[in-house]
Protein backbone atom coordinates (compact mmCIF):
# COMPACT_ATOMS: atom_id res chain seq x y z
CA MET A 1 -22.33 11.68 -55.33
CA GLY A 2 -23.91 13.59 -52.55
CA ILE A 3 -26.04 10.61 -51.64
CA VAL A 4 -23.01 8.32 -51.41
CA GLY A 5 -21.15 10.81 -49.23
CA GLN A 6 -24.15 11.19 -46.98
CA HIS A 7 -24.47 7.43 -46.65
CA ARG A 8 -20.84 7.07 -45.65
CA GLY A 9 -21.15 9.88 -43.14
CA THR A 10 -24.22 8.29 -41.65
CA GLY A 11 -22.38 4.95 -41.42
CA ARG A 12 -19.53 6.60 -39.59
CA GLY A 13 -21.96 8.30 -37.25
CA VAL A 14 -23.77 5.05 -36.48
CA GLY A 15 -20.41 3.31 -35.88
CA ALA A 16 -19.25 6.04 -33.51
CA ARG A 17 -22.52 5.87 -31.58
CA ARG A 18 -22.22 2.10 -31.29
CA VAL A 19 -18.68 2.36 -29.97
CA MET A 20 -19.78 5.00 -27.49
CA MET A 21 -22.68 2.83 -26.34
CA VAL A 22 -20.36 -0.12 -25.77
CA VAL A 23 -18.03 2.08 -23.71
CA ILE A 24 -20.95 3.44 -21.67
CA LEU A 25 -22.21 -0.05 -20.89
CA TRP A 26 -18.72 -1.26 -19.96
CA VAL A 27 -18.03 1.70 -17.67
CA CYS A 28 -21.37 1.37 -15.91
CA ALA A 29 -21.51 -2.41 -15.70
CA ALA A 30 -17.88 -3.36 -15.04
CA PRO A 31 -17.71 -5.08 -11.65
CA SER A 32 -15.76 -3.45 -8.86
CA ILE A 33 -14.32 -6.71 -7.57
CA VAL A 34 -11.52 -8.82 -8.93
CA ALA A 35 -13.32 -12.14 -9.07
CA ALA A 36 -16.72 -13.61 -8.53
CA LYS A 37 -17.70 -14.09 -4.93
CA GLY A 38 -16.26 -17.33 -3.64
CA GLN A 39 -13.99 -18.68 -0.97
CA SER A 40 -12.06 -15.80 0.60
CA ASP A 41 -8.36 -16.13 1.36
CA VAL A 42 -7.34 -13.46 3.85
CA ARG A 43 -4.03 -14.17 5.56
CA VAL A 44 -2.99 -12.06 8.55
CA LEU A 45 0.57 -11.73 9.79
CA LEU A 46 1.12 -9.92 13.10
CA ARG A 47 4.31 -7.91 13.55
CA TYR A 48 5.38 -6.34 16.84
CA ASP A 49 8.22 -3.78 16.74
CA ASP A 50 10.46 -2.16 19.37
CA TYR A 51 10.87 -5.18 21.64
CA THR A 52 13.71 -4.01 23.91
CA ARG A 53 14.96 -4.32 27.46
CA ASP A 54 12.90 -1.21 28.29
CA SER A 55 9.67 -1.95 26.43
CA PRO A 56 6.65 -2.60 28.70
CA ALA A 57 7.10 -6.17 29.94
CA VAL A 58 3.60 -6.50 31.43
CA LEU A 59 1.98 -5.37 28.18
CA GLU A 60 4.10 -7.76 26.13
CA GLN A 61 3.54 -10.70 28.44
CA ARG A 62 -0.21 -10.19 28.36
CA GLY A 63 -0.37 -9.48 24.64
CA LEU A 64 1.99 -12.16 23.38
CA THR A 65 0.61 -14.91 25.63
CA GLY A 66 -2.93 -13.88 24.72
CA LEU A 67 -2.17 -14.08 21.02
CA GLU A 68 -0.44 -17.42 21.55
CA SER A 69 -3.56 -18.81 23.20
CA LEU A 70 -5.55 -17.77 20.12
CA GLY A 71 -3.13 -19.42 17.73
CA ALA A 72 -1.92 -16.13 16.26
CA PRO A 73 1.88 -16.15 15.84
CA VAL A 74 3.82 -12.90 16.00
CA LEU A 75 6.91 -11.67 14.18
CA VAL A 76 8.81 -9.77 16.89
CA GLY A 77 11.22 -7.03 15.85
CA VAL A 78 13.95 -7.00 18.51
CA LEU A 79 16.21 -4.00 19.08
CA PRO A 80 19.49 -5.61 20.19
CA PHE A 81 21.55 -2.67 21.49
CA PRO A 82 19.33 0.21 22.68
CA GLY A 83 21.34 3.23 23.76
CA GLN A 84 24.69 1.72 22.80
CA PRO A 85 27.03 3.61 20.47
CA TYR A 86 28.25 2.17 17.22
CA PRO A 87 31.69 0.53 17.18
CA ALA A 88 34.40 3.12 16.67
CA SER A 89 35.64 1.45 13.48
CA THR A 90 33.61 -0.13 10.71
CA ALA A 91 36.23 -2.89 10.59
CA ASP A 92 35.50 -3.95 14.19
CA ALA A 93 33.76 -7.33 14.01
CA SER A 94 33.99 -8.17 17.73
CA PRO A 95 30.68 -9.79 18.80
CA LEU A 96 28.49 -7.82 21.20
CA PRO A 97 26.25 -9.42 23.86
CA LEU A 98 22.53 -9.01 23.35
CA ASP A 99 21.32 -6.17 25.57
CA LEU A 100 17.84 -7.48 26.29
CA GLY A 101 17.89 -8.36 29.99
CA PRO A 102 17.46 -11.88 31.40
CA GLU A 103 13.66 -11.80 31.79
CA LYS A 104 12.93 -10.42 28.32
CA GLN A 105 15.44 -12.79 26.77
CA ALA A 106 13.93 -15.79 28.56
CA GLN A 107 10.40 -14.83 27.54
CA LEU A 108 11.38 -14.48 23.91
CA ALA A 109 13.43 -17.70 23.86
CA THR A 110 10.61 -19.71 25.43
CA MET A 111 7.93 -18.42 23.09
CA GLN A 112 10.20 -18.82 20.09
CA ALA A 113 10.83 -22.46 21.04
CA ARG A 114 7.05 -23.02 21.17
CA GLY A 115 6.65 -21.50 17.73
CA SER A 116 4.39 -18.65 18.85
CA VAL A 117 6.89 -15.94 17.95
CA GLU A 118 9.54 -15.49 15.28
CA ILE A 119 12.52 -13.20 15.71
CA ALA A 120 13.43 -10.29 13.44
CA LEU A 121 16.31 -7.85 13.68
CA HIS A 122 14.99 -4.32 14.20
CA GLY A 123 18.10 -2.24 13.64
CA PHE A 124 21.08 -1.69 15.94
CA ASN A 125 20.06 1.01 18.41
CA HIS A 126 17.19 2.72 16.54
CA GLN A 127 18.87 6.12 16.55
CA THR A 128 18.18 8.72 13.86
CA ASN A 129 21.19 9.29 11.63
CA PHE A 130 19.60 10.84 8.57
CA THR A 131 16.28 11.93 7.14
CA ALA A 132 15.06 10.01 4.11
CA ASP A 133 12.15 11.54 2.17
CA GLY A 134 11.18 13.56 5.23
CA ARG A 135 11.27 10.55 7.57
CA PRO A 136 13.96 9.63 10.10
CA SER A 137 16.25 6.72 9.33
CA GLU A 138 18.93 4.77 11.13
CA PHE A 139 20.32 3.06 8.03
CA ALA A 140 19.60 5.16 4.93
CA GLY A 141 22.61 7.35 4.26
CA LEU A 142 25.22 5.23 6.02
CA GLY A 143 28.02 3.61 4.04
CA LEU A 144 27.96 -0.03 3.03
CA ASP A 145 30.63 -1.14 5.51
CA ARG A 146 28.81 0.46 8.44
CA GLN A 147 25.39 -0.88 7.47
CA ARG A 148 26.72 -4.40 6.97
CA GLN A 149 28.58 -4.22 10.31
CA LEU A 150 25.46 -3.14 12.22
CA LEU A 151 23.37 -5.88 10.65
CA VAL A 152 25.94 -8.62 11.25
CA LEU A 153 26.47 -7.60 14.88
CA GLY A 154 22.74 -7.50 15.56
CA ARG A 155 22.00 -10.79 13.83
CA THR A 156 24.90 -12.55 15.56
CA ALA A 157 23.82 -11.33 19.00
CA LEU A 158 20.22 -12.46 18.48
CA GLU A 159 21.12 -15.89 17.14
CA SER A 160 23.69 -16.51 19.87
CA ALA A 161 21.42 -15.51 22.74
CA LEU A 162 18.17 -17.03 21.48
CA ALA A 163 19.51 -20.09 19.68
CA ALA A 164 17.27 -19.38 16.72
CA PRO A 165 18.02 -18.41 13.11
CA VAL A 166 17.36 -14.76 12.23
CA ARG A 167 16.66 -13.97 8.60
CA VAL A 168 14.26 -11.02 8.79
CA PHE A 169 15.26 -7.35 8.91
CA ILE A 170 12.78 -4.68 9.99
CA PRO A 171 14.42 -1.31 9.35
CA PRO A 172 13.74 1.26 12.07
CA PHE A 173 11.18 3.84 10.91
CA ASN A 174 10.59 1.54 7.88
CA THR A 175 13.24 3.53 5.99
CA PHE A 176 16.26 2.27 4.08
CA ASP A 177 18.15 2.84 0.84
CA VAL A 178 19.71 0.82 -1.97
CA THR A 179 22.86 0.37 0.10
CA THR A 180 20.78 -1.17 2.89
CA ILE A 181 19.46 -3.80 0.50
CA ARG A 182 23.00 -4.73 -0.50
CA ALA A 183 24.08 -4.84 3.15
CA VAL A 184 21.09 -7.03 4.03
CA LYS A 185 22.13 -9.58 1.44
CA GLU A 186 25.77 -9.53 2.51
CA ALA A 187 24.73 -9.96 6.15
CA GLY A 188 22.90 -13.19 5.29
CA LEU A 189 19.37 -11.85 5.83
CA THR A 190 16.74 -12.89 3.30
CA VAL A 191 13.52 -11.07 4.26
CA VAL A 192 12.79 -7.35 4.61
CA SER A 193 9.67 -6.05 6.33
CA ALA A 194 9.24 -2.30 5.90
CA GLY A 195 6.38 -0.42 4.24
CA VAL A 196 4.53 -0.87 0.95
CA THR A 197 7.40 0.55 -1.09
CA ALA A 198 9.03 -0.65 -4.28
CA ALA A 199 12.82 -0.73 -4.00
CA GLU A 200 15.70 -1.48 -6.33
CA GLY A 201 17.88 -4.53 -5.84
CA THR A 202 15.36 -6.58 -3.85
CA ASP A 203 14.95 -9.25 -6.53
CA SER A 204 16.46 -12.07 -4.43
CA LEU A 205 14.72 -11.04 -1.18
CA ALA A 206 11.28 -11.79 0.22
CA LEU A 207 9.29 -8.64 1.07
CA VAL A 208 6.69 -8.57 3.83
CA PRO A 209 5.60 -4.93 4.00
CA GLY A 210 3.55 -3.64 6.91
CA THR A 211 0.10 -2.71 5.64
CA VAL A 212 -2.10 -1.72 8.58
CA TYR A 213 -2.05 -0.71 12.24
CA PRO A 214 -3.95 -2.81 14.79
CA GLN A 215 -6.67 -0.21 15.29
CA LYS A 216 -7.81 -0.70 11.68
CA MET A 217 -7.19 -4.42 11.30
CA ARG A 218 -10.81 -5.48 11.76
CA GLY A 219 -12.13 -2.94 9.25
CA VAL A 220 -9.63 -4.00 6.60
CA ILE A 221 -10.50 -7.67 7.10
CA GLU A 222 -14.19 -6.86 6.75
CA ARG A 223 -13.50 -4.98 3.52
CA ALA A 224 -11.36 -7.81 2.13
CA LEU A 225 -14.11 -10.34 2.89
CA ARG A 226 -16.82 -8.12 1.45
CA HIS A 227 -15.13 -7.50 -1.89
CA ASP A 228 -13.30 -10.81 -2.27
CA TYR A 229 -10.12 -9.59 -3.96
CA GLY A 230 -8.71 -13.09 -4.08
CA PRO A 231 -5.65 -13.96 -1.96
CA VAL A 232 -4.92 -11.03 0.36
CA LEU A 233 -2.16 -10.51 2.92
CA LEU A 234 -2.45 -8.17 5.89
CA VAL A 235 0.69 -7.37 7.86
CA VAL A 236 -0.45 -5.74 11.11
CA VAL A 237 2.32 -3.53 12.53
CA MET A 238 2.11 -3.02 16.28
CA HIS A 239 4.23 -0.92 18.65
CA PRO A 240 4.02 -0.54 22.42
CA TYR A 241 2.54 2.93 21.99
CA ASP A 242 -0.44 1.47 20.09
CA PHE A 243 -1.77 0.19 23.41
CA ALA A 244 -3.14 2.18 26.32
CA GLU A 245 -1.47 -0.18 28.81
CA SER A 246 1.99 0.93 27.61
CA GLY A 247 1.72 4.27 29.44
CA VAL A 248 3.38 5.89 26.40
CA ALA A 249 1.65 8.57 24.35
CA MET A 250 0.94 8.00 20.68
CA PRO A 251 3.70 9.76 18.69
CA ALA A 252 2.82 12.82 16.61
CA PHE A 253 3.75 11.17 13.29
CA ARG A 254 0.84 8.78 13.75
CA GLY A 255 -1.52 11.72 13.48
CA HIS A 256 -2.72 11.59 17.09
CA ARG A 257 -4.69 8.42 16.42
CA SER A 258 -6.29 6.74 19.40
CA GLN A 259 -4.70 3.89 21.28
CA MET A 260 -6.43 0.57 21.92
CA GLU A 261 -6.42 -1.87 24.79
CA VAL A 262 -4.84 -5.31 24.56
CA ASP A 263 -8.22 -6.91 25.26
CA ALA A 264 -9.66 -5.09 22.22
CA LEU A 265 -6.89 -6.49 20.03
CA LEU A 266 -7.48 -10.01 21.35
CA GLU A 267 -11.20 -9.65 20.73
CA ASP A 268 -10.55 -8.52 17.14
CA VAL A 269 -8.28 -11.52 16.61
CA ARG A 270 -10.90 -13.84 18.11
CA TRP A 271 -13.54 -12.36 15.80
CA ALA A 272 -11.28 -12.64 12.75
CA ARG A 273 -10.48 -16.28 13.44
CA ALA A 274 -14.19 -17.04 13.39
CA GLN A 275 -14.59 -15.63 9.87
CA PRO A 276 -14.46 -18.19 7.03
CA GLY A 277 -11.41 -17.66 4.88
CA VAL A 278 -9.36 -15.72 7.47
CA LYS A 279 -6.17 -17.26 8.81
CA PHE A 280 -3.41 -15.94 11.07
CA VAL A 281 -0.09 -17.09 9.65
CA SER A 282 3.58 -17.18 10.54
CA LEU A 283 6.27 -15.89 8.24
CA SER A 284 8.09 -19.22 8.24
CA GLY A 285 4.86 -20.97 7.32
CA GLU A 286 4.26 -18.60 4.42
CA LEU A 287 7.80 -19.08 3.14
CA ALA A 288 7.60 -22.85 3.48
CA GLY A 289 4.24 -22.91 1.73
CA GLY A 290 5.55 -21.02 -1.28
CA ALA A 291 3.55 -17.85 -0.69
CA ASP A 292 4.22 -15.01 -3.13
CA LEU A 293 6.33 -12.57 -1.11
CA SER A 294 8.15 -11.30 -4.17
CA PRO A 295 9.17 -7.72 -4.97
CA ALA A 296 6.95 -8.02 -8.05
CA ARG A 297 3.90 -8.33 -5.81
CA VAL A 298 4.85 -5.26 -3.83
CA ALA A 299 5.59 -3.32 -7.02
CA ALA A 300 2.17 -4.23 -8.45
CA ASN A 301 0.45 -3.02 -5.27
CA VAL A 302 2.46 0.21 -5.27
CA ALA A 303 1.44 0.82 -8.90
CA LEU A 304 -2.20 0.18 -7.99
CA ARG A 305 -2.05 2.78 -5.22
CA GLN A 306 -0.48 5.27 -7.63
CA THR A 307 -3.00 5.05 -10.47
CA ILE A 308 -4.31 8.37 -11.71
CA ASN A 309 -7.69 7.69 -10.11
CA ALA A 310 -6.28 6.62 -6.74
CA VAL A 311 -4.18 9.78 -6.55
CA ASN A 312 -6.69 12.25 -7.99
CA ARG A 313 -10.08 10.59 -7.38
CA LEU A 314 -11.24 11.06 -10.97
CA LEU A 315 -14.18 8.66 -10.71
CA PRO A 316 -17.49 9.07 -8.87
CA PRO A 317 -17.97 6.72 -5.88
CA ALA A 318 -20.25 4.42 -7.90
CA LEU A 319 -17.45 3.67 -10.38
CA ALA A 320 -14.39 3.95 -8.16
CA GLN A 321 -12.80 0.71 -7.02
CA PRO A 322 -13.18 -0.17 -3.33
CA PRO A 323 -10.15 1.00 -1.33
CA VAL A 324 -7.27 -1.45 -0.98
CA ASP A 325 -5.43 0.41 1.77
CA GLY A 326 -4.31 -1.89 4.56
CA MET A 327 -3.91 -5.02 2.44
CA LEU A 328 -1.52 -6.54 -0.06
CA LEU A 329 -3.30 -8.03 -3.06
CA SER A 330 -1.85 -10.78 -5.21
CA THR A 331 0.28 -9.66 -8.14
CA GLU A 332 -2.40 -10.64 -10.65
CA ALA A 333 -5.26 -9.00 -8.74
CA ALA A 334 -3.32 -5.75 -8.25
CA ARG A 335 -2.47 -5.55 -11.93
CA MET A 336 -6.04 -6.35 -12.97
CA LEU A 337 -7.51 -3.73 -10.65
CA ARG A 338 -5.01 -1.17 -11.92
CA TRP A 339 -6.00 -1.72 -15.53
CA LYS A 340 -9.69 -1.70 -14.61
CA SER A 341 -9.23 1.59 -12.81
CA LEU A 342 -7.38 3.14 -15.73
CA GLY A 343 -9.94 1.76 -18.15
CA ARG A 344 -12.79 3.31 -16.24
CA VAL A 345 -11.07 6.67 -16.05
CA PHE A 346 -10.37 6.85 -19.77
CA GLY A 347 -13.68 5.21 -20.64
CA LEU A 348 -15.61 7.80 -18.65
CA ALA A 349 -13.51 10.58 -20.18
CA LEU A 350 -14.28 9.25 -23.67
CA VAL A 351 -18.00 9.01 -22.97
CA THR A 352 -18.12 12.50 -21.45
CA ALA A 353 -16.09 14.14 -24.19
CA GLY A 354 -17.98 12.24 -26.90
CA THR A 355 -21.37 13.23 -25.49
CA ALA A 356 -20.33 16.88 -25.27
CA PHE A 357 -18.97 16.69 -28.83
CA VAL A 358 -22.22 15.23 -30.22
CA PHE A 359 -24.40 17.85 -28.51
CA SER A 360 -22.05 20.64 -29.50
CA ARG A 361 -21.99 19.53 -33.11
CA TRP A 362 -25.78 19.18 -33.24
CA LEU A 363 -26.54 22.48 -31.53
CA ASN A 364 -23.93 24.35 -33.55
CA SER A 365 -25.59 23.10 -36.73
CA GLN A 366 -28.66 25.10 -35.71
CA GLY A 367 -29.09 28.70 -36.68
CA VAL A 368 -28.58 30.46 -33.34
CA LEU A 369 -25.44 28.79 -32.02
CA ARG A 370 -23.83 28.41 -35.44
CA ARG A 371 -23.21 32.15 -35.53
CA THR A 372 -21.55 32.18 -32.07
CA ARG A 373 -18.94 29.48 -32.67
CA ARG A 374 -16.04 31.93 -32.49
CA LEU A 375 -17.30 33.35 -29.19
CA GLN A 376 -17.83 29.81 -27.84
CA ARG A 377 -14.26 28.90 -28.70
CA ALA A 378 -12.88 31.95 -26.94
CA LEU A 379 -14.93 31.33 -23.81
CA LEU A 380 -14.09 27.62 -23.80
CA ALA A 381 -10.38 28.33 -24.25
CA ALA A 382 -10.46 30.67 -21.25
CA LEU A 383 -12.44 28.15 -19.19
CA LEU A 384 -10.12 25.26 -20.05
CA ALA A 385 -7.05 27.35 -19.27
CA ALA A 386 -8.52 28.24 -15.86
CA VAL A 387 -9.30 24.58 -15.12
CA VAL A 388 -5.80 23.50 -16.12
CA ILE A 389 -4.24 26.16 -13.87
CA MET A 390 -6.48 25.22 -10.92
CA GLY A 391 -5.72 21.56 -11.49
CA ALA A 392 -1.99 22.19 -11.57
CA VAL A 393 -2.24 24.04 -8.26
CA ASN A 394 -4.80 21.96 -6.37
CA GLY A 395 -4.90 18.68 -8.31
CA PHE A 396 -7.35 17.28 -10.81
CA TYR A 397 -10.33 15.75 -9.09
CA PHE A 398 -13.60 14.45 -10.48
CA LEU A 399 -15.46 17.72 -11.11
CA LYS A 400 -12.44 19.49 -12.60
CA ALA A 401 -11.66 16.54 -14.83
CA LEU A 402 -15.31 16.30 -15.89
CA LEU A 403 -15.35 19.98 -16.74
CA LEU A 404 -12.09 19.69 -18.65
CA VAL A 405 -13.06 16.77 -20.88
CA SER A 406 -16.58 18.16 -21.41
CA GLY A 407 -15.15 21.51 -22.48
CA MET A 408 -12.72 19.84 -24.86
CA GLY A 409 -15.50 17.77 -26.39
CA TRP A 410 -17.68 20.85 -26.85
CA LEU A 411 -14.74 22.79 -28.31
CA PHE A 412 -14.08 20.13 -30.95
CA GLY A 413 -17.79 20.03 -31.66
CA THR A 414 -17.76 23.69 -32.62
CA ARG A 415 -14.87 23.06 -35.01
CA GLN A 416 -16.59 20.10 -36.64
CA ALA A 417 -20.03 21.68 -36.94
CA THR A 418 -21.39 21.78 -40.46
CA ALA A 419 -21.90 25.12 -42.11
């Protein structure tokens, strides 16, 4: 009887060790890229915000014409009524003339006719009405009638003055609410370009979230080419203050990052165009070509950025996935990377806890430690409680998580140790 029981126990032990070995090999050998190295597909969409009657004309002329010469189209977010108050009544639908100035309007109309720029509505007057999640907002917090009115007036003014269809809305400060989405639809707009944020009610809209500032564009492209995530979209969000020639200081909310010169941007674009697999695209071209600009893609990328490892850095650098900041992966790639990341976290936790359990069980079967199991449990309970408290206060990072799962494995090993 005893022999049979021992045989079964040994079988279970061998099975557990085999499972643990498989997990160890998978955690260590799992590739950090989505697919095998092949033909890269990095698509870059340039977006320029805050085009107004007062924005730096010389900077814009030099930058936009320079990008046009390189075959890099730009989505231009136009502010139609800077400094103007809202209509007194939300029922007032009287059209307003575009307040852009003759030279700016002519420049935009000419470049739009040549296909080098596309027009987007960038709010009404860009004023701050509310604060949404700690960030200023022109639209979030306003009622539906007011939001729809502002969007319709802005879109009508742009289309009338520039003789071009306007279907893209770029919310000022990249902030909006559920009511904004409803107003966008009712105003006849079909595309929203804000940040990488999942939002309710966007199912029938195309989403083109800004992913990176121009100063980091080249580095993100290099990373995308190096790791070959599959189809990747970069939406480069530029403002006048990003460039030294604007004469405007970088705002504090950008973390006092350095400005760049227009020539540096053009050189980065020139370099990127020379890289195999990199293409500068227009929004209309992406829509016409059936590109995936769905809310599902954005939601998958948001979920990837919010995985337990991405938030808490629970993996060592050798096992952590390469950063995806600055790019929008395909829906499939984002989901795959998310599950890989989660699998590695829990796989490493299982290996660590299992190893600690095996050593604890073996050592506690020996004479010396077997008599101190109660003391071990008390010390481990205190240690684990301290780690949990520190983690709750400062977050669980790799060393804390490693200590926590190791302690738990050792604790269970003392309980399972043979007499």
